[in-house]
Amino acid sequence: MTYKVAMSAAVLAIVAATFVAVGPVQAGTCQQAKAMGLAKNMATATAYAQADLKQTAKSLKGKVTQASTNCVPFPSGYRCKINAVVCPK
């Protein structure tokens, strides 16, 4: 039982040291955003994902600076995921 407590304390110390080294996140920095679209064809799935990303960027009050799209076949059609970076306007 003592070994588990010592390991937990060691892990917490490492996590705390990491946060101290990194510091707090500055206001107004870029953020990762994800969006997804599901449809019968790839073009529609991509359009749905882009609309989702646009709404996400709007809620974060920023604009998309980088984005990558990945579409894969799904049992009911295609699923497109967009990974993007949203930065303040």
PDB file of N, CA and C in Angstrom:
ATOM      1  N   MET A   1       0.823  -1.188   0.000  1.00  0.00           N
ATOM      2  CA  MET A   1       0.000   0.000   0.000  1.00  0.00           C
ATOM      3  C   MET A   1       0.867   1.252   0.000  1.00  0.00           C
ATOM      4  N   THR A   2       1.977   1.249   0.741  1.00  0.00           N
ATOM      5  CA  THR A   2       2.861   2.404   0.814  1.00  0.00           C
ATOM      6  C   THR A   2       3.506   2.675  -0.539  1.00  0.00           C
ATOM      7  N   TYR A   3       3.821   1.632  -1.286  1.00  0.00           N
ATOM      8  CA  TYR A   3       4.431   1.782  -2.603  1.00  0.00           C
ATOM      9  C   TYR A   3       3.491   2.541  -3.541  1.00  0.00           C
ATOM     10  N   LYS A   4       2.179   2.227  -3.500  1.00  0.00           N
ATOM     11  CA  LYS A   4       1.206   2.897  -4.358  1.00  0.00           C
ATOM     12  C   LYS A   4       1.088   4.371  -4.001  1.00  0.00           C
ATOM     13  N   VAL A   5       1.126   4.686  -2.727  1.00  0.00           N
ATOM     14  CA  VAL A   5       1.047   6.082  -2.294  1.00  0.00           C
ATOM     15  C   VAL A   5       2.287   6.843  -2.753  1.00  0.00           C
ATOM     16  N   ALA A   6       3.455   6.216  -2.638  1.00  0.00           N
ATOM     17  CA  ALA A   6       4.697   6.858  -3.070  1.00  0.00           C
ATOM     18  C   ALA A   6       4.694   7.085  -4.579  1.00  0.00           C
ATOM     19  N   MET A   7       4.198   6.109  -5.351  1.00  0.00           N
ATOM     20  CA  MET A   7       4.135   6.261  -6.805  1.00  0.00           C
ATOM     21  C   MET A   7       3.156   7.360  -7.188  1.00  0.00           C
ATOM     22  N   SER A   8       2.018   7.427  -6.499  1.00  0.00           N
ATOM     23  CA  SER A   8       1.038   8.470  -6.782  1.00  0.00           C
ATOM     24  C   SER A   8       1.622   9.844  -6.492  1.00  0.00           C
ATOM     25  N   ALA A   9       2.342   9.971  -5.403  1.00  0.00           N
ATOM     26  CA  ALA A   9       2.978  11.247  -5.059  1.00  0.00           C
ATOM     27  C   ALA A   9       4.024  11.615  -6.096  1.00  0.00           C
ATOM     28  N   ALA A  10       4.783  10.638  -6.577  1.00  0.00           N
ATOM     29  CA  ALA A  10       5.808  10.910  -7.590  1.00  0.00           C
ATOM     30  C   ALA A  10       5.171  11.364  -8.901  1.00  0.00           C
ATOM     31  N   VAL A  11       4.097  10.717  -9.294  1.00  0.00           N
ATOM     32  CA  VAL A  11       3.405  11.098 -10.527  1.00  0.00           C
ATOM     33  C   VAL A  11       2.839  12.506 -10.401  1.00  0.00           C
ATOM     34  N   LEU A  12       2.229  12.819  -9.260  1.00  0.00           N
ATOM     35  CA  LEU A  12       1.691  14.166  -9.053  1.00  0.00           C
ATOM     36  C   LEU A  12       2.796  15.217  -9.079  1.00  0.00           C
ATOM     37  N   ALA A  13       3.950  14.894  -8.534  1.00  0.00           N
ATOM     38  CA  ALA A  13       5.070  15.837  -8.554  1.00  0.00           C
ATOM     39  C   ALA A  13       5.539  16.095  -9.978  1.00  0.00           C
ATOM     40  N   ILE A  14       5.580  15.060 -10.807  1.00  0.00           N
ATOM     41  CA  ILE A  14       5.993  15.228 -12.211  1.00  0.00           C
ATOM     42  C   ILE A  14       4.982  16.078 -12.964  1.00  0.00           C
ATOM     43  N   VAL A  15       3.703  15.820 -12.753  1.00  0.00           N
ATOM     44  CA  VAL A  15       2.660  16.603 -13.418  1.00  0.00           C
ATOM     45  C   VAL A  15       2.734  18.061 -12.979  1.00  0.00           C
ATOM     46  N   ALA A  16       2.908  18.309 -11.697  1.00  0.00           N
ATOM     47  CA  ALA A  16       3.005  19.684 -11.191  1.00  0.00           C
ATOM     48  C   ALA A  16       4.221  20.392 -11.770  1.00  0.00           C
ATOM     49  N   ALA A  17       5.345  19.705 -11.867  1.00  0.00           N
ATOM     50  CA  ALA A  17       6.555  20.303 -12.430  1.00  0.00           C
ATOM     51  C   ALA A  17       6.354  20.646 -13.901  1.00  0.00           C
ATOM     52  N   THR A  18       5.612  19.824 -14.614  1.00  0.00           N
ATOM     53  CA  THR A  18       5.344  20.099 -16.022  1.00  0.00           C
ATOM     54  C   THR A  18       4.519  21.363 -16.173  1.00  0.00           C
ATOM     55  N   PHE A  19       3.489  21.539 -15.346  1.00  0.00           N
ATOM     56  CA  PHE A  19       2.674  22.727 -15.444  1.00  0.00           C
ATOM     57  C   PHE A  19       3.451  23.980 -15.049  1.00  0.00           C
ATOM     58  N   VAL A  20       4.331  23.876 -14.105  1.00  0.00           N
ATOM     59  CA  VAL A  20       5.134  25.029 -13.714  1.00  0.00           C
ATOM     60  C   VAL A  20       6.081  25.411 -14.839  1.00  0.00           C
ATOM     61  N   ALA A  21       6.664  24.422 -15.517  1.00  0.00           N
ATOM     62  CA  ALA A  21       7.602  24.699 -16.605  1.00  0.00           C
ATOM     63  C   ALA A  21       6.899  25.307 -17.809  1.00  0.00           C
ATOM     64  N   VAL A  22       5.700  24.834 -18.113  1.00  0.00           N
ATOM     65  CA  VAL A  22       4.979  25.314 -19.277  1.00  0.00           C
ATOM     66  C   VAL A  22       4.362  26.673 -19.011  1.00  0.00           C
ATOM     67  N   GLY A  23       3.770  26.861 -17.871  1.00  0.00           N
ATOM     68  CA  GLY A  23       3.137  28.116 -17.524  1.00  0.00           C
ATOM     69  C   GLY A  23       1.705  28.172 -18.025  1.00  0.00           C
ATOM     70  N   PRO A  24       0.988  29.201 -17.656  1.00  0.00           N
ATOM     71  CA  PRO A  24      -0.408  29.305 -18.068  1.00  0.00           C
ATOM     72  C   PRO A  24      -0.534  29.626 -19.557  1.00  0.00           C
ATOM     73  N   VAL A  25      -1.664  29.261 -20.135  1.00  0.00           N
ATOM     74  CA  VAL A  25      -1.923  29.547 -21.539  1.00  0.00           C
ATOM     75  C   VAL A  25      -2.261  31.023 -21.676  1.00  0.00           C
ATOM     76  N   GLN A  26      -1.623  31.666 -22.631  1.00  0.00           N
ATOM     77  CA  GLN A  26      -1.861  33.087 -22.874  1.00  0.00           C
ATOM     78  C   GLN A  26      -3.220  33.278 -23.533  1.00  0.00           C
ATOM     79  N   ALA A  27      -3.908  34.346 -23.185  1.00  0.00           N
ATOM     80  CA  ALA A  27      -5.174  34.662 -23.831  1.00  0.00           C
ATOM     81  C   ALA A  27      -4.900  35.061 -25.273  1.00  0.00           C
ATOM     82  N   GLY A  28      -5.746  34.621 -26.187  1.00  0.00           N
ATOM     83  CA  GLY A  28      -5.588  35.010 -27.580  1.00  0.00           C
ATOM     84  C   GLY A  28      -4.666  34.113 -28.374  1.00  0.00           C
ATOM     85  N   THR A  29      -4.360  32.926 -27.885  1.00  0.00           N
ATOM     86  CA  THR A  29      -3.507  32.014 -28.639  1.00  0.00           C
ATOM     87  C   THR A  29      -4.366  31.122 -29.525  1.00  0.00           C
ATOM     88  N   CYS A  30      -3.721  30.483 -30.479  1.00  0.00           N
ATOM     89  CA  CYS A  30      -4.420  29.585 -31.403  1.00  0.00           C
ATOM     90  C   CYS A  30      -4.839  28.308 -30.689  1.00  0.00           C
ATOM     91  N   GLN A  31      -5.926  27.703 -31.168  1.00  0.00           N
ATOM     92  CA  GLN A  31      -6.463  26.493 -30.566  1.00  0.00           C
ATOM     93  C   GLN A  31      -6.717  25.441 -31.643  1.00  0.00           C
ATOM     94  N   GLN A  32      -6.622  24.174 -31.251  1.00  0.00           N
ATOM     95  CA  GLN A  32      -6.973  23.070 -32.138  1.00  0.00           C
ATOM     96  C   GLN A  32      -8.493  22.971 -32.203  1.00  0.00           C
ATOM     97  N   ALA A  33      -9.017  22.663 -33.380  1.00  0.00           N
ATOM     98  CA  ALA A  33     -10.454  22.465 -33.544  1.00  0.00           C
ATOM     99  C   ALA A  33     -10.672  21.254 -34.444  1.00  0.00           C
ATOM    100  N   LYS A  34     -11.750  20.533 -34.171  1.00  0.00           N
ATOM    101  CA  LYS A  34     -12.098  19.358 -34.965  1.00  0.00           C
ATOM    102  C   LYS A  34     -13.537  19.491 -35.437  1.00  0.00           C
ATOM    103  N   ALA A  35     -13.787  18.979 -36.646  1.00  0.00           N
ATOM    104  CA  ALA A  35     -15.136  18.980 -37.184  1.00  0.00           C
ATOM    105  C   ALA A  35     -15.354  17.668 -37.925  1.00  0.00           C
ATOM    106  N   MET A  36     -16.620  17.257 -38.035  1.00  0.00           N
ATOM    107  CA  MET A  36     -16.925  15.993 -38.697  1.00  0.00           C
ATOM    108  C   MET A  36     -18.197  16.118 -39.508  1.00  0.00           C
ATOM    109  N   GLY A  37     -18.223  15.431 -40.654  1.00  0.00           N
ATOM    110  CA  GLY A  37     -19.414  15.380 -41.489  1.00  0.00           C
ATOM    111  C   GLY A  37     -19.652  13.951 -41.946  1.00  0.00           C
ATOM    112  N   LEU A  38     -20.900  13.542 -42.004  1.00  0.00           N
ATOM    113  CA  LEU A  38     -21.278  12.191 -42.418  1.00  0.00           C
ATOM    114  C   LEU A  38     -22.386  12.306 -43.452  1.00  0.00           C
ATOM    115  N   ALA A  39     -22.167  11.693 -44.641  1.00  0.00           N
ATOM    116  CA  ALA A  39     -23.172  11.763 -45.704  1.00  0.00           C
ATOM    117  C   ALA A  39     -22.995  10.601 -46.671  1.00  0.00           C
ATOM    118  N   LYS A  40     -23.921  10.490 -47.616  1.00  0.00           N
ATOM    119  CA  LYS A  40     -23.891   9.406 -48.602  1.00  0.00           C
ATOM    120  C   LYS A  40     -22.713   9.526 -49.564  1.00  0.00           C
ATOM    121  N   ASN A  41     -22.332  10.751 -49.940  1.00  0.00           N
ATOM    122  CA  ASN A  41     -21.186  10.911 -50.848  1.00  0.00           C
ATOM    123  C   ASN A  41     -20.127  11.804 -50.209  1.00  0.00           C
ATOM    124  N   MET A  42     -18.929  11.733 -50.762  1.00  0.00           N
ATOM    125  CA  MET A  42     -17.788  12.417 -50.161  1.00  0.00           C
ATOM    126  C   MET A  42     -17.930  13.940 -50.215  1.00  0.00           C
ATOM    127  N   ALA A  43     -18.463  14.470 -51.298  1.00  0.00           N
ATOM    128  CA  ALA A  43     -18.592  15.925 -51.434  1.00  0.00           C
ATOM    129  C   ALA A  43     -19.535  16.503 -50.372  1.00  0.00           C
ATOM    130  N   THR A  44     -20.640  15.832 -50.142  1.00  0.00           N
ATOM    131  CA  THR A  44     -21.597  16.308 -49.139  1.00  0.00           C
ATOM    132  C   THR A  44     -21.022  16.170 -47.730  1.00  0.00           C
ATOM    133  N   ALA A  45     -20.328  15.066 -47.470  1.00  0.00           N
ATOM    134  CA  ALA A  45     -19.709  14.879 -46.156  1.00  0.00           C
ATOM    135  C   ALA A  45     -18.668  15.963 -45.891  1.00  0.00           C
ATOM    136  N   THR A  46     -17.887  16.312 -46.909  1.00  0.00           N
ATOM    137  CA  THR A  46     -16.895  17.379 -46.763  1.00  0.00           C
ATOM    138  C   THR A  46     -17.581  18.718 -46.513  1.00  0.00           C
ATOM    139  N   ALA A  47     -18.666  18.986 -47.224  1.00  0.00           N
ATOM    140  CA  ALA A  47     -19.399  20.241 -47.031  1.00  0.00           C
ATOM    141  C   ALA A  47     -19.969  20.333 -45.610  1.00  0.00           C
ATOM    142  N   TYR A  48     -20.505  19.221 -45.094  1.00  0.00           N
ATOM    143  CA  TYR A  48     -21.018  19.213 -43.723  1.00  0.00           C
ATOM    144  C   TYR A  48     -19.896  19.466 -42.709  1.00  0.00           C
ATOM    145  N   ALA A  49     -18.739  18.850 -42.939  1.00  0.00           N
ATOM    146  CA  ALA A  49     -17.606  19.048 -42.030  1.00  0.00           C
ATOM    147  C   ALA A  49     -17.122  20.495 -42.072  1.00  0.00           C
ATOM    148  N   GLN A  50     -17.089  21.085 -43.265  1.00  0.00           N
ATOM    149  CA  GLN A  50     -16.665  22.482 -43.390  1.00  0.00           C
ATOM    150  C   GLN A  50     -17.645  23.417 -42.685  1.00  0.00           C
ATOM    151  N   ALA A  51     -18.932  23.127 -42.790  1.00  0.00           N
ATOM    152  CA  ALA A  51     -19.934  23.944 -42.095  1.00  0.00           C
ATOM    153  C   ALA A  51     -19.772  23.823 -40.582  1.00  0.00           C
ATOM    154  N   ASP A  52     -19.485  22.608 -40.113  1.00  0.00           N
ATOM    155  CA  ASP A  52     -19.255  22.388 -38.683  1.00  0.00           C
ATOM    156  C   ASP A  52     -18.022  23.158 -38.222  1.00  0.00           C
ATOM    157  N   LEU A  53     -16.962  23.131 -39.031  1.00  0.00           N
ATOM    158  CA  LEU A  53     -15.736  23.857 -38.687  1.00  0.00           C
ATOM    159  C   LEU A  53     -15.979  25.361 -38.666  1.00  0.00           C
ATOM    160  N   LYS A  54     -16.755  25.852 -39.612  1.00  0.00           N
ATOM    161  CA  LYS A  54     -17.070  27.287 -39.653  1.00  0.00           C
ATOM    162  C   LYS A  54     -17.803  27.710 -38.381  1.00  0.00           C
ATOM    163  N   GLN A  55     -18.754  26.898 -37.946  1.00  0.00           N
ATOM    164  CA  GLN A  55     -19.504  27.197 -36.728  1.00  0.00           C
ATOM    165  C   GLN A  55     -18.594  27.147 -35.501  1.00  0.00           C
ATOM    166  N   THR A  56     -17.680  26.171 -35.472  1.00  0.00           N
ATOM    167  CA  THR A  56     -16.738  26.061 -34.356  1.00  0.00           C
ATOM    168  C   THR A  56     -15.829  27.284 -34.290  1.00  0.00           C
ATOM    169  N   ALA A  57     -15.305  27.705 -35.446  1.00  0.00           N
ATOM    170  CA  ALA A  57     -14.445  28.886 -35.487  1.00  0.00           C
ATOM    171  C   ALA A  57     -15.205  30.130 -35.043  1.00  0.00           C
ATOM    172  N   LYS A  58     -16.476  30.217 -35.431  1.00  0.00           N
ATOM    173  CA  LYS A  58     -17.297  31.365 -35.030  1.00  0.00           C
ATOM    174  C   LYS A  58     -17.504  31.386 -33.519  1.00  0.00           C
ATOM    175  N   SER A  59     -17.737  30.213 -32.927  1.00  0.00           N
ATOM    176  CA  SER A  59     -17.954  30.163 -31.478  1.00  0.00           C
ATOM    177  C   SER A  59     -16.668  30.460 -30.710  1.00  0.00           C
ATOM    178  N   LEU A  60     -15.503  30.163 -31.321  1.00  0.00           N
ATOM    179  CA  LEU A  60     -14.223  30.481 -30.691  1.00  0.00           C
ATOM    180  C   LEU A  60     -13.783  31.914 -30.985  1.00  0.00           C
ATOM    181  N   LYS A  61     -14.578  32.620 -31.788  1.00  0.00           N
ATOM    182  CA  LYS A  61     -14.294  34.006 -32.182  1.00  0.00           C
ATOM    183  C   LYS A  61     -12.921  34.111 -32.834  1.00  0.00           C
ATOM    184  N   GLY A  62     -12.707  33.252 -33.817  1.00  0.00           N
ATOM    185  CA  GLY A  62     -11.438  33.254 -34.527  1.00  0.00           C
ATOM    186  C   GLY A  62     -11.620  32.870 -35.976  1.00  0.00           C
ATOM    187  N   LYS A  63     -10.494  32.657 -36.656  1.00  0.00           N
ATOM    188  CA  LYS A  63     -10.532  32.233 -38.051  1.00  0.00           C
ATOM    189  C   LYS A  63      -9.611  31.028 -38.218  1.00  0.00           C
ATOM    190  N   VAL A  64      -9.917  30.212 -39.193  1.00  0.00           N
ATOM    191  CA  VAL A  64      -9.150  28.993 -39.456  1.00  0.00           C
ATOM    192  C   VAL A  64      -7.888  29.378 -40.210  1.00  0.00           C
ATOM    193  N   THR A  65      -6.732  28.955 -39.703  1.00  0.00           N
ATOM    194  CA  THR A  65      -5.477  29.256 -40.376  1.00  0.00           C
ATOM    195  C   THR A  65      -4.878  28.035 -41.063  1.00  0.00           C
ATOM    196  N   GLN A  66      -5.080  26.852 -40.529  1.00  0.00           N
ATOM    197  CA  GLN A  66      -4.584  25.613 -41.125  1.00  0.00           C
ATOM    198  C   GLN A  66      -5.666  24.562 -40.985  1.00  0.00           C
ATOM    199  N   ALA A  67      -5.778  23.695 -41.993  1.00  0.00           N
ATOM    200  CA  ALA A  67      -6.771  22.623 -41.903  1.00  0.00           C
ATOM    201  C   ALA A  67      -6.336  21.434 -42.750  1.00  0.00           C
ATOM    202  N   SER A  68      -6.661  20.249 -42.275  1.00  0.00           N
ATOM    203  CA  SER A  68      -6.436  19.036 -43.053  1.00  0.00           C
ATOM    204  C   SER A  68      -7.702  18.188 -42.966  1.00  0.00           C
ATOM    205  N   THR A  69      -8.083  17.618 -44.109  1.00  0.00           N
ATOM    206  CA  THR A  69      -9.312  16.839 -44.194  1.00  0.00           C
ATOM    207  C   THR A  69      -8.976  15.377 -44.441  1.00  0.00           C
ATOM    208  N   ASN A  70      -9.703  14.495 -43.770  1.00  0.00           N
ATOM    209  CA  ASN A  70      -9.526  13.061 -43.932  1.00  0.00           C
ATOM    210  C   ASN A  70     -10.903  12.430 -44.101  1.00  0.00           C
ATOM    211  N   CYS A  71     -11.157  11.845 -45.277  1.00  0.00           N
ATOM    212  CA  CYS A  71     -12.438  11.190 -45.551  1.00  0.00           C
ATOM    213  C   CYS A  71     -12.225   9.689 -45.695  1.00  0.00           C
ATOM    214  N   VAL A  72     -13.086   8.908 -45.058  1.00  0.00           N
ATOM    215  CA  VAL A  72     -13.006   7.449 -45.128  1.00  0.00           C
ATOM    216  C   VAL A  72     -14.397   6.883 -45.402  1.00  0.00           C
ATOM    217  N   PRO A  73     -14.452   5.747 -46.112  1.00  0.00           N
ATOM    218  CA  PRO A  73     -15.751   5.099 -46.316  1.00  0.00           C
ATOM    219  C   PRO A  73     -16.320   4.635 -44.981  1.00  0.00           C
ATOM    220  N   PHE A  74     -17.610   4.749 -44.855  1.00  0.00           N
ATOM    221  CA  PHE A  74     -18.325   4.389 -43.637  1.00  0.00           C
ATOM    222  C   PHE A  74     -19.498   3.523 -44.081  1.00  0.00           C
ATOM    223  N   PRO A  75     -20.053   2.674 -43.227  1.00  0.00           N
ATOM    224  CA  PRO A  75     -21.155   1.805 -43.673  1.00  0.00           C
ATOM    225  C   PRO A  75     -22.320   2.553 -44.333  1.00  0.00           C
ATOM    226  N   SER A  76     -22.619   3.759 -43.881  1.00  0.00           N
ATOM    227  CA  SER A  76     -23.748   4.496 -44.452  1.00  0.00           C
ATOM    228  C   SER A  76     -23.304   5.569 -45.443  1.00  0.00           C
ATOM    229  N   GLY A  77     -22.053   5.576 -45.873  1.00  0.00           N
ATOM    230  CA  GLY A  77     -21.574   6.570 -46.827  1.00  0.00           C
ATOM    231  C   GLY A  77     -20.125   6.915 -46.562  1.00  0.00           C
ATOM    232  N   TYR A  78     -19.857   8.199 -46.325  1.00  0.00           N
ATOM    233  CA  TYR A  78     -18.506   8.685 -46.041  1.00  0.00           C
ATOM    234  C   TYR A  78     -18.505   9.504 -44.764  1.00  0.00           C
ATOM    235  N   ARG A  79     -17.393   9.436 -44.045  1.00  0.00           N
ATOM    236  CA  ARG A  79     -17.198  10.251 -42.852  1.00  0.00           C
ATOM    237  C   ARG A  79     -15.949  11.087 -43.082  1.00  0.00           C
ATOM    238  N   CYS A  80     -16.090  12.388 -43.035  1.00  0.00           N
ATOM    239  CA  CYS A  80     -14.967  13.304 -43.216  1.00  0.00           C
ATOM    240  C   CYS A  80     -14.692  14.020 -41.901  1.00  0.00           C
ATOM    241  N   LYS A  81     -13.420  14.025 -41.525  1.00  0.00           N
ATOM    242  CA  LYS A  81     -12.983  14.737 -40.326  1.00  0.00           C
ATOM    243  C   LYS A  81     -12.019  15.833 -40.752  1.00  0.00           C
ATOM    244  N   ILE A  82     -12.166  16.991 -40.143  1.00  0.00           N
ATOM    245  CA  ILE A  82     -11.254  18.102 -40.388  1.00  0.00           C
ATOM    246  C   ILE A  82     -10.557  18.444 -39.086  1.00  0.00           C
ATOM    247  N   ASN A  83      -9.236  18.458 -39.115  1.00  0.00           N
ATOM    248  CA  ASN A  83      -8.427  18.946 -37.992  1.00  0.00           C
ATOM    249  C   ASN A  83      -7.908  20.308 -38.416  1.00  0.00           C
ATOM    250  N   ALA A  84      -8.120  21.307 -37.582  1.00  0.00           N
ATOM    251  CA  ALA A  84      -7.764  22.671 -37.959  1.00  0.00           C
ATOM    252  C   ALA A  84      -7.178  23.419 -36.774  1.00  0.00           C
ATOM    253  N   VAL A  85      -6.573  24.558 -37.102  1.00  0.00           N
ATOM    254  CA  VAL A  85      -6.063  25.487 -36.099  1.00  0.00           C
ATOM    255  C   VAL A  85      -6.870  26.774 -36.243  1.00  0.00           C
ATOM    256  N   VAL A  86      -7.472  27.207 -35.134  1.00  0.00           N
ATOM    257  CA  VAL A  86      -8.266  28.436 -35.120  1.00  0.00           C
ATOM    258  C   VAL A  86      -7.516  29.470 -34.286  1.00  0.00           C
ATOM    259  N   CYS A  87      -7.222  30.608 -34.920  1.00  0.00           N
ATOM    260  CA  CYS A  87      -6.501  31.687 -34.241  1.00  0.00           C
ATOM    261  C   CYS A  87      -7.428  32.897 -34.107  1.00  0.00           C
ATOM    262  N   PRO A  88      -7.166  33.755 -33.114  1.00  0.00           N
ATOM    263  CA  PRO A  88      -8.000  34.933 -32.928  1.00  0.00           C
ATOM    264  C   PRO A  88      -7.945  35.843 -34.153  1.00  0.00           C
ATOM    265  N   LYS A  89      -9.027  36.575 -34.373  1.00  0.00           N
ATOM    266  CA  LYS A  89      -9.090  37.481 -35.532  1.00  0.00           C
ATOM    267  C   LYS A  89      -8.203  38.674 -35.360  1.00  0.00           C
TER     268      LYS A  89
END
